[in-house]
PDB file of N, CA and C in Angstrom:
ATOM      1  N   MET A   1       4.567 -14.791   1.603  1.00  0.00           N
ATOM      2  CA  MET A   1       4.460 -13.812   2.892  1.00  0.00           C
ATOM      3  C   MET A   1       2.943 -13.538   2.856  1.00  0.00           C
ATOM      4  N   THR A   2       2.296 -13.304   4.048  1.00  0.00           N
ATOM      5  CA  THR A   2       0.561 -13.236   3.759  1.00  0.00           C
ATOM      6  C   THR A   2       0.444 -12.301   3.567  1.00  0.00           C
ATOM      7  N   HIS A   3       1.335 -11.271   4.571  1.00  0.00           N
ATOM      8  CA  HIS A   3       0.580  -9.433   4.737  1.00  0.00           C
ATOM      9  C   HIS A   3       1.858  -8.776   3.872  1.00  0.00           C
ATOM     10  N   SER A   4       1.231  -7.712   3.501  1.00  0.00           N
ATOM     11  CA  SER A   4       2.379  -6.471   2.709  1.00  0.00           C
ATOM     12  C   SER A   4       2.156  -5.600   3.219  1.00  0.00           C
ATOM     13  N   ALA A   5       2.848  -4.393   3.311  1.00  0.00           N
ATOM     14  CA  ALA A   5       2.205  -3.122   3.150  1.00  0.00           C
ATOM     15  C   ALA A   5       3.693  -2.290   3.163  1.00  0.00           C
ATOM     16  N   THR A   6       3.486  -0.966   2.287  1.00  0.00           N
ATOM     17  CA  THR A   6       4.856   0.055   2.395  1.00  0.00           C
ATOM     18  C   THR A   6       4.185   1.146   2.550  1.00  0.00           C
ATOM     19  N   VAL A   7       4.987   1.960   3.482  1.00  0.00           N
ATOM     20  CA  VAL A   7       4.376   3.150   4.463  1.00  0.00           C
ATOM     21  C   VAL A   7       5.681   4.126   4.326  1.00  0.00           C
ATOM     22  N   SER A   8       5.560   5.535   3.921  1.00  0.00           N
ATOM     23  CA  SER A   8       6.023   6.437   3.605  1.00  0.00           C
ATOM     24  C   SER A   8       6.435   7.761   4.332  1.00  0.00           C
ATOM     25  N   ASN A   9       7.655   8.324   5.053  1.00  0.00           N
ATOM     26  CA  ASN A   9       7.522   9.552   5.519  1.00  0.00           C
ATOM     27  C   ASN A   9       7.559  10.572   4.976  1.00  0.00           C
ATOM     28  N   PRO A  10       6.377  11.142   4.280  1.00  0.00           N
ATOM     29  CA  PRO A  10       6.630  12.647   3.495  1.00  0.00           C
ATOM     30  C   PRO A  10       7.342  13.346   3.931  1.00  0.00           C
ATOM     31  N   THR A  11       7.828  13.569   5.294  1.00  0.00           N
ATOM     32  CA  THR A  11       8.404  14.972   5.692  1.00  0.00           C
ATOM     33  C   THR A  11      10.066  14.263   5.550  1.00  0.00           C
ATOM     34  N   CYS A  12      10.575  13.388   5.175  1.00  0.00           N
ATOM     35  CA  CYS A  12      11.467  13.088   4.972  1.00  0.00           C
ATOM     36  C   CYS A  12      12.372  12.080   4.021  1.00  0.00           C
ATOM     37  N   GLY A  13      11.345  11.881   3.923  1.00  0.00           N
ATOM     38  CA  GLY A  13      11.421  10.273   2.314  1.00  0.00           C
ATOM     39  C   GLY A  13      11.572   8.923   2.439  1.00  0.00           C
ATOM     40  N   ASP A  14      11.786   8.970   4.543  1.00  0.00           N
ATOM     41  CA  ASP A  14      12.322   7.483   4.766  1.00  0.00           C
ATOM     42  C   ASP A  14      10.769   6.708   3.987  1.00  0.00           C
ATOM     43  N   ARG A  15      11.179   5.521   3.300  1.00  0.00           N
ATOM     44  CA  ARG A  15      10.113   4.749   2.584  1.00  0.00           C
ATOM     45  C   ARG A  15      10.388   3.456   3.522  1.00  0.00           C
ATOM     46  N   VAL A  16       9.305   1.909   4.456  1.00  0.00           N
ATOM     47  CA  VAL A  16       9.196   0.828   4.489  1.00  0.00           C
ATOM     48  C   VAL A  16       8.093   0.153   3.969  1.00  0.00           C
ATOM     49  N   GLU A  17       9.124  -1.539   2.555  1.00  0.00           N
ATOM     50  CA  GLU A  17       8.274  -1.929   3.200  1.00  0.00           C
ATOM     51  C   GLU A  17       8.396  -3.047   3.868  1.00  0.00           C
ATOM     52  N   ILE A  18       7.322  -3.654   3.814  1.00  0.00           N
ATOM     53  CA  ILE A  18       7.494  -4.691   4.989  1.00  0.00           C
ATOM     54  C   ILE A  18       6.509  -6.486   4.822  1.00  0.00           C
ATOM     55  N   LYS A  19       7.095  -7.290   4.588  1.00  0.00           N
ATOM     56  CA  LYS A  19       5.817  -8.330   4.372  1.00  0.00           C
ATOM     57  C   LYS A  19       6.525  -9.056   5.655  1.00  0.00           C
ATOM     58  N   LEU A  20       5.134  -9.754   5.886  1.00  0.00           N
ATOM     59  CA  LEU A  20       5.161 -10.678   7.255  1.00  0.00           C
ATOM     60  C   LEU A  20       4.088 -12.322   6.490  1.00  0.00           C
ATOM     61  N   ARG A  21       4.483 -13.299   7.388  1.00  0.00           N
ATOM     62  CA  ARG A  21       3.778 -14.471   7.153  1.00  0.00           C
ATOM     63  C   ARG A  21       2.985 -14.801   8.483  1.00  0.00           C
ATOM     64  N   VAL A  22       1.935 -15.164   8.342  1.00  0.00           N
ATOM     65  CA  VAL A  22       1.275 -15.247   9.970  1.00  0.00           C
ATOM     66  C   VAL A  22       0.791 -16.163   9.248  1.00  0.00           C
ATOM     67  N   THR A  23       1.180 -17.149  10.663  1.00  0.00           N
ATOM     68  CA  THR A  23       0.213 -18.529  10.703  1.00  0.00           C
ATOM     69  C   THR A  23      -0.664 -18.580  11.802  1.00  0.00           C
ATOM     70  N   SER A  24      -1.980 -18.702  12.146  1.00  0.00           N
ATOM     71  CA  SER A  24      -2.880 -18.795  12.599  1.00  0.00           C
ATOM     72  C   SER A  24      -2.418 -17.970  14.364  1.00  0.00           C
ATOM     73  N   GLY A  25      -2.292 -16.798  13.425  1.00  0.00           N
ATOM     74  CA  GLY A  25      -2.256 -15.612  14.289  1.00  0.00           C
ATOM     75  C   GLY A  25      -0.699 -14.884  14.775  1.00  0.00           C
ATOM     76  N   GLU A  26       0.019 -16.042  14.739  1.00  0.00           N
ATOM     77  CA  GLU A  26       1.780 -15.836  14.730  1.00  0.00           C
ATOM     78  C   GLU A  26       2.585 -15.499  13.800  1.00  0.00           C
ATOM     79  N   ILE A  27       3.191 -14.760  13.497  1.00  0.00           N
ATOM     80  CA  ILE A  27       4.501 -14.334  13.152  1.00  0.00           C
ATOM     81  C   ILE A  27       5.250 -15.182  13.096  1.00  0.00           C
ATOM     82  N   THR A  28       5.598 -15.774  11.136  1.00  0.00           N
ATOM     83  CA  THR A  28       6.278 -16.646  11.648  1.00  0.00           C
ATOM     84  C   THR A  28       7.630 -16.813  10.203  1.00  0.00           C
ATOM     85  N   ALA A  29       7.405 -15.457   9.774  1.00  0.00           N
ATOM     86  CA  ALA A  29       8.640 -14.325   9.199  1.00  0.00           C
ATOM     87  C   ALA A  29       8.511 -13.314   8.901  1.00  0.00           C
ATOM     88  N   ALA A  30       9.406 -12.371   8.884  1.00  0.00           N
ATOM     89  CA  ALA A  30       9.587 -11.191   8.516  1.00  0.00           C
ATOM     90  C   ALA A  30      10.325 -10.096   7.676  1.00  0.00           C
ATOM     91  N   SER A  31      10.411  -9.718   6.663  1.00  0.00           N
ATOM     92  CA  SER A  31      10.846  -9.168   5.886  1.00  0.00           C
ATOM     93  C   SER A  31      10.877  -7.545   5.833  1.00  0.00           C
ATOM     94  N   THR A  32      11.678  -6.816   5.733  1.00  0.00           N
ATOM     95  CA  THR A  32      11.577  -5.754   4.939  1.00  0.00           C
ATOM     96  C   THR A  32      12.588  -4.851   4.261  1.00  0.00           C
ATOM     97  N   HIS A  33      12.079  -3.866   3.289  1.00  0.00           N
ATOM     98  CA  HIS A  33      13.020  -2.852   2.690  1.00  0.00           C
ATOM     99  C   HIS A  33      12.639  -1.431   3.060  1.00  0.00           C
ATOM    100  N   VAL A  34      14.095  -1.251   3.157  1.00  0.00           N
ATOM    101  CA  VAL A  34      14.057   0.369   4.037  1.00  0.00           C
ATOM    102  C   VAL A  34      14.892   0.993   2.685  1.00  0.00           C
ATOM    103  N   ARG A  35      14.465   2.519   2.323  1.00  0.00           N
ATOM    104  CA  ARG A  35      15.007   3.693   2.158  1.00  0.00           C
ATOM    105  C   ARG A  35      15.179   4.865   3.221  1.00  0.00           C
ATOM    106  N   GLY A  36      15.969   4.668   3.757  1.00  0.00           N
ATOM    107  CA  GLY A  36      15.264   6.129   4.303  1.00  0.00           C
ATOM    108  C   GLY A  36      16.987   6.023   5.576  1.00  0.00           C
ATOM    109  N   CYS A  37      16.591   7.178   6.739  1.00  0.00           N
ATOM    110  CA  CYS A  37      17.995   6.975   7.344  1.00  0.00           C
ATOM    111  C   CYS A  37      18.865   6.423   8.317  1.00  0.00           C
ATOM    112  N   ALA A  38      19.537   5.810   9.117  1.00  0.00           N
ATOM    113  CA  ALA A  38      19.663   4.467  10.355  1.00  0.00           C
ATOM    114  C   ALA A  38      18.910   4.449  11.038  1.00  0.00           C
ATOM    115  N   LEU A  39      18.311   5.553  11.437  1.00  0.00           N
ATOM    116  CA  LEU A  39      17.156   5.276  12.429  1.00  0.00           C
ATOM    117  C   LEU A  39      16.294   4.645  11.940  1.00  0.00           C
ATOM    118  N   CYS A  40      16.026   5.096  10.908  1.00  0.00           N
ATOM    119  CA  CYS A  40      14.511   3.931  10.192  1.00  0.00           C
ATOM    120  C   CYS A  40      14.993   2.789   9.809  1.00  0.00           C
ATOM    121  N   GLU A  41      16.490   2.103   9.545  1.00  0.00           N
ATOM    122  CA  GLU A  41      16.723   0.999   9.099  1.00  0.00           C
ATOM    123  C   GLU A  41      16.877  -0.065  10.652  1.00  0.00           C
ATOM    124  N   ALA A  42      17.415   0.743  12.210  1.00  0.00           N
ATOM    125  CA  ALA A  42      17.774   0.851  13.190  1.00  0.00           C
ATOM    126  C   ALA A  42      16.059   0.210  13.897  1.00  0.00           C
ATOM    127  N   GLY A  43      15.599   0.994  13.477  1.00  0.00           N
ATOM    128  CA  GLY A  43      13.713   0.730  13.919  1.00  0.00           C
ATOM    129  C   GLY A  43      13.335  -0.891  13.159  1.00  0.00           C
ATOM    130  N   ALA A  44      13.487  -0.503  12.443  1.00  0.00           N
ATOM    131  CA  ALA A  44      13.102  -2.311  10.607  1.00  0.00           C
ATOM    132  C   ALA A  44      13.908  -3.271  11.438  1.00  0.00           C
ATOM    133  N   GLY A  45      14.956  -2.872  11.784  1.00  0.00           N
ATOM    134  CA  GLY A  45      16.101  -4.146  12.428  1.00  0.00           C
ATOM    135  C   GLY A  45      15.638  -4.554  13.804  1.00  0.00           C
ATOM    136  N   LEU A  46      15.144  -3.984  14.765  1.00  0.00           N
ATOM    137  CA  LEU A  46      14.506  -4.221  15.995  1.00  0.00           C
ATOM    138  C   LEU A  46      13.644  -4.731  15.677  1.00  0.00           C
ATOM    139  N   LEU A  47      12.417  -4.360  14.726  1.00  0.00           N
ATOM    140  CA  LEU A  47      11.269  -5.461  14.213  1.00  0.00           C
ATOM    141  C   LEU A  47      11.295  -6.211  13.837  1.00  0.00           C
ATOM    142  N   LEU A  48      12.255  -6.825  13.208  1.00  0.00           N
ATOM    143  CA  LEU A  48      13.038  -7.981  12.424  1.00  0.00           C
ATOM    144  C   LEU A  48      13.189  -9.010  13.594  1.00  0.00           C
ATOM    145  N   GLU A  49      13.660  -8.607  14.496  1.00  0.00           N
ATOM    146  CA  GLU A  49      14.598  -9.561  15.798  1.00  0.00           C
ATOM    147  C   GLU A  49      13.065  -9.586  16.578  1.00  0.00           C
ATOM    148  N   MET A  50      12.738  -9.018  17.020  1.00  0.00           N
ATOM    149  CA  MET A  50      11.048  -8.909  18.239  1.00  0.00           C
ATOM    150  C   MET A  50      10.190  -9.801  17.232  1.00  0.00           C
ATOM    151  N   ALA A  51       9.885  -9.431  16.029  1.00  0.00           N
ATOM    152  CA  ALA A  51       8.906 -10.327  15.524  1.00  0.00           C
ATOM    153  C   ALA A  51       8.382 -11.872  15.352  1.00  0.00           C
ATOM    154  N   PRO A  52       8.780 -12.597  14.694  1.00  0.00           N
ATOM    155  CA  PRO A  52       8.834 -14.154  14.564  1.00  0.00           C
ATOM    156  C   PRO A  52       8.500 -14.440  15.985  1.00  0.00           C
ATOM    157  N   GLY A  53       7.596 -15.443  16.361  1.00  0.00           N
ATOM    158  CA  GLY A  53       7.198 -15.889  17.157  1.00  0.00           C
ATOM    159  C   GLY A  53       6.198 -15.048  17.884  1.00  0.00           C
ATOM    160  N   LEU A  54       6.492 -14.160  17.508  1.00  0.00           N
ATOM    161  CA  LEU A  54       4.825 -12.897  18.790  1.00  0.00           C
ATOM    162  C   LEU A  54       3.945 -13.233  17.519  1.00  0.00           C
ATOM    163  N   SER A  55       2.686 -13.025  18.826  1.00  0.00           N
ATOM    164  CA  SER A  55       1.388 -12.803  17.795  1.00  0.00           C
ATOM    165  C   SER A  55       1.241 -11.119  17.036  1.00  0.00           C
ATOM    166  N   THR A  56       0.152 -11.518  16.626  1.00  0.00           N
ATOM    167  CA  THR A  56       0.179 -10.675  15.674  1.00  0.00           C
ATOM    168  C   THR A  56      -0.139  -8.731  16.814  1.00  0.00           C
ATOM    169  N   GLU A  57      -1.257  -9.560  17.261  1.00  0.00           N
ATOM    170  CA  GLU A  57      -1.399  -8.262  18.584  1.00  0.00           C
ATOM    171  C   GLU A  57       0.151  -7.723  19.510  1.00  0.00           C
ATOM    172  N   ALA A  58       0.453  -9.062  19.938  1.00  0.00           N
ATOM    173  CA  ALA A  58       1.702  -8.303  20.075  1.00  0.00           C
ATOM    174  C   ALA A  58       2.807  -7.563  19.393  1.00  0.00           C
ATOM    175  N   LEU A  59       3.118  -7.614  17.907  1.00  0.00           N
ATOM    176  CA  LEU A  59       3.691  -7.212  17.471  1.00  0.00           C
ATOM    177  C   LEU A  59       2.982  -5.445  17.440  1.00  0.00           C
ATOM    178  N   THR A  60       2.226  -5.194  17.584  1.00  0.00           N
ATOM    179  CA  THR A  60       1.178  -3.833  17.195  1.00  0.00           C
ATOM    180  C   THR A  60       0.543  -3.104  18.766  1.00  0.00           C
ATOM    181  N   SER A  61       1.350  -4.540  19.323  1.00  0.00           N
ATOM    182  CA  SER A  61       1.130  -3.677  20.574  1.00  0.00           C
ATOM    183  C   SER A  61       2.534  -2.710  21.178  1.00  0.00           C
ATOM    184  N   ILE A  62       3.610  -4.025  20.721  1.00  0.00           N
ATOM    185  CA  ILE A  62       5.091  -3.665  20.702  1.00  0.00           C
ATOM    186  C   ILE A  62       5.165  -1.677  19.696  1.00  0.00           C
ATOM    187  N   GLY A  63       4.963  -1.868  18.918  1.00  0.00           N
ATOM    188  CA  GLY A  63       4.961  -0.681  17.832  1.00  0.00           C
ATOM    189  C   GLY A  63       4.345   0.579  18.689  1.00  0.00           C
ATOM    190  N   ASP A  64       3.452   0.183  19.700  1.00  0.00           N
ATOM    191  CA  ASP A  64       2.275   1.561  20.343  1.00  0.00           C
ATOM    192  C   ASP A  64       3.035   1.919  21.420  1.00  0.00           C
ATOM    193  N   ASP A  65       3.690   1.131  21.845  1.00  0.00           N
ATOM    194  CA  ASP A  65       4.033   1.398  23.301  1.00  0.00           C
ATOM    195  C   ASP A  65       5.143   1.628  22.631  1.00  0.00           C
ATOM    196  N   LEU A  66       6.049   1.683  21.991  1.00  0.00           N
ATOM    197  CA  LEU A  66       7.399   2.630  21.476  1.00  0.00           C
ATOM    198  C   LEU A  66       6.895   3.950  20.884  1.00  0.00           C
ATOM    199  N   THR A  67       6.257   3.663  19.900  1.00  0.00           N
ATOM    200  CA  THR A  67       5.559   5.263  20.143  1.00  0.00           C
ATOM    201  C   THR A  67       5.042   6.298  21.162  1.00  0.00           C
ATOM    202  N   ALA A  68       4.191   5.273  22.233  1.00  0.00           N
ATOM    203  CA  ALA A  68       4.533   6.582  23.192  1.00  0.00           C
ATOM    204  C   ALA A  68       5.742   6.302  23.935  1.00  0.00           C
ATOM    205  N   TRP A  69       6.384   5.467  24.142  1.00  0.00           N
ATOM    206  CA  TRP A  69       8.026   5.740  25.064  1.00  0.00           C
ATOM    207  C   TRP A  69       8.703   6.747  24.732  1.00  0.00           C
ATOM    208  N   LEU A  70       8.676   6.753  23.019  1.00  0.00           N
ATOM    209  CA  LEU A  70       9.136   7.643  22.618  1.00  0.00           C
ATOM    210  C   LEU A  70       8.729   9.294  22.350  1.00  0.00           C
ATOM    211  N   ALA A  71       7.392   9.739  22.472  1.00  0.00           N
ATOM    212  CA  ALA A  71       6.457  10.641  23.205  1.00  0.00           C
ATOM    213  C   ALA A  71       6.709  10.682  24.709  1.00  0.00           C
ATOM    214  N   GLY A  72       7.165  10.065  25.871  1.00  0.00           N
ATOM    215  CA  GLY A  72       7.405   9.946  26.691  1.00  0.00           C
ATOM    216  C   GLY A  72       5.790   9.741  27.627  1.00  0.00           C
ATOM    217  N   THR A  73       4.722   8.866  26.931  1.00  0.00           N
ATOM    218  CA  THR A  73       3.650   9.258  27.500  1.00  0.00           C
ATOM    219  C   THR A  73       3.794   7.634  27.897  1.00  0.00           C
ATOM    220  N   GLY A  74       4.050   6.617  27.901  1.00  0.00           N
ATOM    221  CA  GLY A  74       4.667   5.870  28.117  1.00  0.00           C
ATOM    222  C   GLY A  74       4.635   5.123  29.539  1.00  0.00           C
ATOM    223  N   THR A  75       3.508   4.069  29.979  1.00  0.00           N
ATOM    224  CA  THR A  75       3.112   3.709  31.051  1.00  0.00           C
ATOM    225  C   THR A  75       3.920   1.959  31.595  1.00  0.00           C
ATOM    226  N   GLY A  76       3.634   1.558  30.146  1.00  0.00           N
ATOM    227  CA  GLY A  76       4.355   0.018  30.961  1.00  0.00           C
ATOM    228  C   GLY A  76       5.841  -0.053  30.408  1.00  0.00           C
ATOM    229  N   ASP A  77       5.962  -1.032  30.991  1.00  0.00           N
ATOM    230  CA  ASP A  77       7.382  -1.495  30.406  1.00  0.00           C
ATOM    231  C   ASP A  77       7.594  -2.090  29.158  1.00  0.00           C
ATOM    232  N   ILE A  78       9.372  -1.899  28.927  1.00  0.00           N
ATOM    233  CA  ILE A  78       9.123  -1.283  27.332  1.00  0.00           C
ATOM    234  C   ILE A  78      10.341  -2.577  27.506  1.00  0.00           C
ATOM    235  N   PRO A  79       9.907  -3.629  25.393  1.00  0.00           N
ATOM    236  CA  PRO A  79      10.617  -4.813  25.782  1.00  0.00           C
ATOM    237  C   PRO A  79      12.139  -4.165  25.321  1.00  0.00           C
ATOM    238  N   ASP A  80      13.254  -5.401  26.171  1.00  0.00           N
ATOM    239  CA  ASP A  80      14.656  -5.579  25.438  1.00  0.00           C
ATOM    240  C   ASP A  80      15.137  -4.886  24.004  1.00  0.00           C
ATOM    241  N   GLY A  81      16.194  -3.802  23.860  1.00  0.00           N
ATOM    242  CA  GLY A  81      16.403  -3.296  22.698  1.00  0.00           C
ATOM    243  C   GLY A  81      15.514  -1.998  22.577  1.00  0.00           C
ATOM    244  N   ILE A  82      14.711  -1.340  22.922  1.00  0.00           N
ATOM    245  CA  ILE A  82      14.224   0.195  22.915  1.00  0.00           C
ATOM    246  C   ILE A  82      15.019   0.934  23.432  1.00  0.00           C
ATOM    247  N   ASN A  83      15.439   0.602  24.286  1.00  0.00           N
ATOM    248  CA  ASN A  83      16.032   1.780  25.252  1.00  0.00           C
ATOM    249  C   ASN A  83      17.221   2.432  24.280  1.00  0.00           C
ATOM    250  N   ALA A  84      17.881   1.359  22.990  1.00  0.00           N
ATOM    251  CA  ALA A  84      18.912   1.743  22.120  1.00  0.00           C
ATOM    252  C   ALA A  84      18.306   3.145  21.801  1.00  0.00           C
ATOM    253  N   PHE A  85      17.028   3.386  22.456  1.00  0.00           N
ATOM    254  CA  PHE A  85      16.511   4.765  20.803  1.00  0.00           C
ATOM    255  C   PHE A  85      16.408   5.732  22.180  1.00  0.00           C
ATOM    256  N   ALA A  86      17.036   5.731  23.296  1.00  0.00           N
ATOM    257  CA  ALA A  86      16.553   6.924  24.281  1.00  0.00           C
ATOM    258  C   ALA A  86      17.055   8.329  24.030  1.00  0.00           C
ATOM    259  N   PRO A  87      18.304   8.189  23.433  1.00  0.00           N
ATOM    260  CA  PRO A  87      18.787   9.517  22.614  1.00  0.00           C
ATOM    261  C   PRO A  87      17.390  10.054  21.653  1.00  0.00           C
ATOM    262  N   VAL A  88      17.222   9.321  20.785  1.00  0.00           N
ATOM    263  CA  VAL A  88      15.996  10.056  20.013  1.00  0.00           C
ATOM    264  C   VAL A  88      14.706  10.615  20.854  1.00  0.00           C
ATOM    265  N   ARG A  89      14.183  10.341  21.783  1.00  0.00           N
ATOM    266  CA  ARG A  89      13.547  10.667  23.025  1.00  0.00           C
ATOM    267  C   ARG A  89      13.023  12.334  22.602  1.00  0.00           C
ATOM    268  N   ALA A  90      14.349  13.175  22.505  1.00  0.00           N
ATOM    269  CA  ALA A  90      13.734  14.303  22.863  1.00  0.00           C
ATOM    270  C   ALA A  90      14.107  15.289  21.647  1.00  0.00           C
ATOM    271  N   ILE A  91      14.136  14.104  20.025  1.00  0.00           N
ATOM    272  CA  ILE A  91      14.154  14.922  19.043  1.00  0.00           C
ATOM    273  C   ILE A  91      12.898  14.415  18.342  1.00  0.00           C
ATOM    274  N   ARG A  92      12.116  14.962  18.821  1.00  0.00           N
ATOM    275  CA  ARG A  92       9.991  15.088  17.949  1.00  0.00           C
ATOM    276  C   ARG A  92      10.285  13.871  16.635  1.00  0.00           C
ATOM    277  N   ASN A  93      10.858  15.041  15.979  1.00  0.00           N
ATOM    278  CA  ASN A  93      10.935  15.049  14.662  1.00  0.00           C
ATOM    279  C   ASN A  93      11.416  13.753  13.808  1.00  0.00           C
ATOM    280  N   ARG A  94      11.847  13.044  14.760  1.00  0.00           N
ATOM    281  CA  ARG A  94      12.804  11.976  14.222  1.00  0.00           C
ATOM    282  C   ARG A  94      12.244  10.819  14.957  1.00  0.00           C
ATOM    283  N   HIS A  95      10.954  11.101  15.936  1.00  0.00           N
ATOM    284  CA  HIS A  95      10.465   9.863  15.851  1.00  0.00           C
ATOM    285  C   HIS A  95       9.903   8.829  14.751  1.00  0.00           C
ATOM    286  N   LYS A  96       9.064   9.420  14.212  1.00  0.00           N
ATOM    287  CA  LYS A  96       8.470   8.799  13.080  1.00  0.00           C
ATOM    288  C   LYS A  96       9.311   7.860  12.229  1.00  0.00           C
ATOM    289  N   CYS A  97      10.905   8.133  12.241  1.00  0.00           N
ATOM    290  CA  CYS A  97      11.438   7.774  11.285  1.00  0.00           C
ATOM    291  C   CYS A  97      11.887   6.114  12.103  1.00  0.00           C
ATOM    292  N   VAL A  98      12.326   6.031  13.591  1.00  0.00           N
ATOM    293  CA  VAL A  98      12.177   4.359  14.578  1.00  0.00           C
ATOM    294  C   VAL A  98      10.613   4.074  14.110  1.00  0.00           C
ATOM    295  N   THR A  99       9.543   4.542  14.127  1.00  0.00           N
ATOM    296  CA  THR A  99       8.572   3.266  14.194  1.00  0.00           C
ATOM    297  C   THR A  99       7.577   3.592  12.924  1.00  0.00           C
ATOM    298  N   LEU A 100       8.300   3.824  11.831  1.00  0.00           N
ATOM    299  CA  LEU A 100       8.009   3.187  10.268  1.00  0.00           C
ATOM    300  C   LEU A 100       7.707   2.127  10.513  1.00  0.00           C
ATOM    301  N   ALA A 101       8.636   1.075  10.213  1.00  0.00           N
ATOM    302  CA  ALA A 101       8.831  -0.425  10.508  1.00  0.00           C
ATOM    303  C   ALA A 101       7.522  -0.826  11.683  1.00  0.00           C
ATOM    304  N   PHE A 102       7.245  -0.333  12.452  1.00  0.00           N
ATOM    305  CA  PHE A 102       5.957  -0.701  13.159  1.00  0.00           C
ATOM    306  C   PHE A 102       4.616  -0.189  12.793  1.00  0.00           C
ATOM    307  N   GLU A 103       4.777   1.061  12.203  1.00  0.00           N
ATOM    308  CA  GLU A 103       3.528   1.677  11.657  1.00  0.00           C
ATOM    309  C   GLU A 103       3.223   0.476   9.857  1.00  0.00           C
ATOM    310  N   ALA A 104       4.381   0.531   9.368  1.00  0.00           N
ATOM    311  CA  ALA A 104       4.117  -1.017   8.328  1.00  0.00           C
ATOM    312  C   ALA A 104       3.511  -1.865   8.761  1.00  0.00           C
ATOM    313  N   ALA A 105       3.958  -2.574  10.176  1.00  0.00           N
ATOM    314  CA  ALA A 105       3.318  -3.950   9.634  1.00  0.00           C
ATOM    315  C   ALA A 105       1.572  -3.769  10.242  1.00  0.00           C
ATOM    316  N   LYS A 106       1.752  -3.116  10.696  1.00  0.00           N
ATOM    317  CA  LYS A 106       0.593  -2.694  11.624  1.00  0.00           C
ATOM    318  C   LYS A 106      -0.484  -2.399  10.666  1.00  0.00           C
ATOM    319  N   THR A 107      -0.107  -1.462   9.065  1.00  0.00           N
ATOM    320  CA  THR A 107      -0.996  -1.208   8.086  1.00  0.00           C
ATOM    321  C   THR A 107      -0.876  -3.221   7.383  1.00  0.00           C
ATOM    322  N   ALA A 108      -0.208  -3.129   7.368  1.00  0.00           N
ATOM    323  CA  ALA A 108      -0.580  -5.095   6.702  1.00  0.00           C
ATOM    324  C   ALA A 108      -1.086  -5.429   7.743  1.00  0.00           C
ATOM    325  N   LEU A 109      -1.201  -5.608   8.686  1.00  0.00           N
ATOM    326  CA  LEU A 109      -1.933  -6.605   9.459  1.00  0.00           C
ATOM    327  C   LEU A 109      -3.039  -5.980   9.711  1.00  0.00           C
ATOM    328  N   ALA A 110      -2.943  -4.558   9.545  1.00  0.00           N
ATOM    329  CA  ALA A 110      -5.084  -3.996   9.922  1.00  0.00           C
ATOM    330  C   ALA A 110      -5.351  -4.399   8.249  1.00  0.00           C
ATOM    331  N   ASP A 111      -5.144  -4.124   6.998  1.00  0.00           N
ATOM    332  CA  ASP A 111      -5.440  -3.541   5.916  1.00  0.00           C
ATOM    333  C   ASP A 111      -5.149  -5.541   5.326  1.00  0.00           C
ATOM    334  N   GLU A 112      -5.394  -6.269   6.054  1.00  0.00           N
ATOM    335  CA  GLU A 112      -4.719  -7.923   5.637  1.00  0.00           C
ATOM    336  C   GLU A 112      -3.814  -7.270   4.275  1.00  0.00           C
ATOM    337  N   GLY A 113      -3.448  -7.259   4.363  1.00  0.00           N
ATOM    338  CA  GLY A 113      -2.026  -7.008   2.793  1.00  0.00           C
ATOM    339  C   GLY A 113      -1.845  -8.154   2.379  1.00  0.00           C
ATOM    340  N   GLN A 114      -2.766  -8.877   1.800  1.00  0.00           N
ATOM    341  CA  GLN A 114      -2.446  -9.628   1.409  1.00  0.00           C
ATOM    342  C   GLN A 114      -1.932  -9.968   0.334  1.00  0.00           C
ATOM    343  N   ASP A 115      -0.706 -10.704  -0.124  1.00  0.00           N
ATOM    344  CA  ASP A 115       0.054 -10.730  -1.458  1.00  0.00           C
ATOM    345  C   ASP A 115      -1.226 -11.474  -2.046  1.00  0.00           C
TER     346      ASP A 115
END
């Protein structure tokens, strides 16, 4: 893997470690290790399903779109799978649980978290 990061949610103790393989700006592989709630696991699962084949910019954008959509401020179309989190939109203090894996990916890509 070429990029990695670990991000924690100090509010609830969730923690996501992500590893990404990036080749020529495209994510070719992704893995996560999650220590957290079911929402955190589900958010990481969504990322793992979507990431392979995406550009690094697209993955970052999806994470930003998910965060905005949960907050009710999103204006664009959301990718398939995100609608599963509709019940969480009303529970603001659980949004970070859903987005933590995407935050970890963004951190890994921004920090060039290379192994």
